[in-house]
Amino acid sequence: MPVNWAAVRDEFPALKSWTYLNTATLGLIPRRARAAIDAHFARRDELAHTDFNTWWDDLDHLRRSIAQLIHAAAEDIAFLPNASAALAIAKSAVDWKAGDEVLTLEDEFPNQVSAAAGLEGVRLVETTIDRFWDAVTPRTRMVALSAVNYQTGLRVHWEDRIVRLRAAGIFTYVDATQSFGALVNDLRGHQPDIYAVNCYKWACAPTGAAFACIHAGVRTVLKPGVIGWRSDRGWRDMENLRHGDPMFSDSAERFEGGMLAFAPLYGLKASVEWMLDLGPAAIENRVLELAKACGGDGRSPIVALPVAEDARAIAARLREERILVSARRGKLRISPHFYNDERDVELLSRSMPSGSLRR
């Protein structure tokens, strides 16, 4: 049954006042996610936290929903505060030595560019997608890249590279923050060692909701960034918490350590379940259709348009007309999501300053 995109749009109150084409910065939050968060706090008031243990059951349901969306196992999912925390865990996988290299792509998000920071004697190597394999050397110990580049919109088909990199003993880290929620993400047969997502963009969740999908084959060699009362596999028996060194679980939950950001995660739960109902393929088709109408290549949800004048000035003028886009490295970045429609694209086109696009 075709998706009623007008009904989808009605879930986002901000669209009544704004033409919002800026999801690559922050995604809008649907009514149902806000309602889920409000319901959580209302329940806390009503029950005075007496149902506290059931909150964890709700998050286990969220693990299963995320796993279904990306075709992974629920035990591979760990909730984290952000993707930076996932990258910190990834860096613990390697016994680093002077001369080792971390490989990433040019124009990458700062997280990946700083992946070698703090590792004494370790060098960051940046390359183009066309010369990727030429840049892989015996010194390459980790590859860290984004599924979709935040400023250029380059969509990296990392899936084809994972098997070969793993066979070479190279740790793989993929940041899918600019992909998850907009594009189909299928990890079957090529799951990275760590696949991380900050969910406040295309997943339409509040800040503070993030997760990492951590491959079972590397979990025992990774060092948890946080060790606390939930590090022990028996933490659910709260009347008899373990005192002493934790006995870690085999699941990715071992990396969570302590309390979680329940409110943002309840919001994420509502959004993820909705996306499963709408269908990842239908969402991807809608997003790419709108992005192409904005001047994109039909492969990426992010459109980076070269402009003949200051991109920041153009973005500022559009904002005065309540049209929201971004400027990134001299280009105008447009990022429509499934809640946008053709009227948004038309309004943007009409409002662009004459002669602003570089041909």
Foldseek 3Di string as FASTA:
>chain_A
DADPLQVVLVQFVVVVPFLEQALLVFATAGVLLVVLLVVVVVVCVVVVCPVVLCLVVLVLVVLVLVCVQQVHDSLLKAKDQFVLLVLVQLLLLDPDDAPAEEEEEPQADVSSVCSCPPPPNYYYHYYHPVCVVVPDDLRYAEYEYECAGSAARDGDPCQVVQVVCVVSNHAYEYEDQQPPLQARRYPPPRNGQKYKYQCRGNLNFDRRTIMIRHDLVRVVSTDAPAAAQQLAPPSSVVVDGDDDDHDGDSGPNNNHHDDGPSSRSSSSSSSSVVCVVNDNVSFNQQQLVLCVLLPDPSPGQKHWFAWPDALQVQQVQVVVVNYHWDDDPRTTIGGDGSSHDPVSSVVVVVSGPPRTGDD
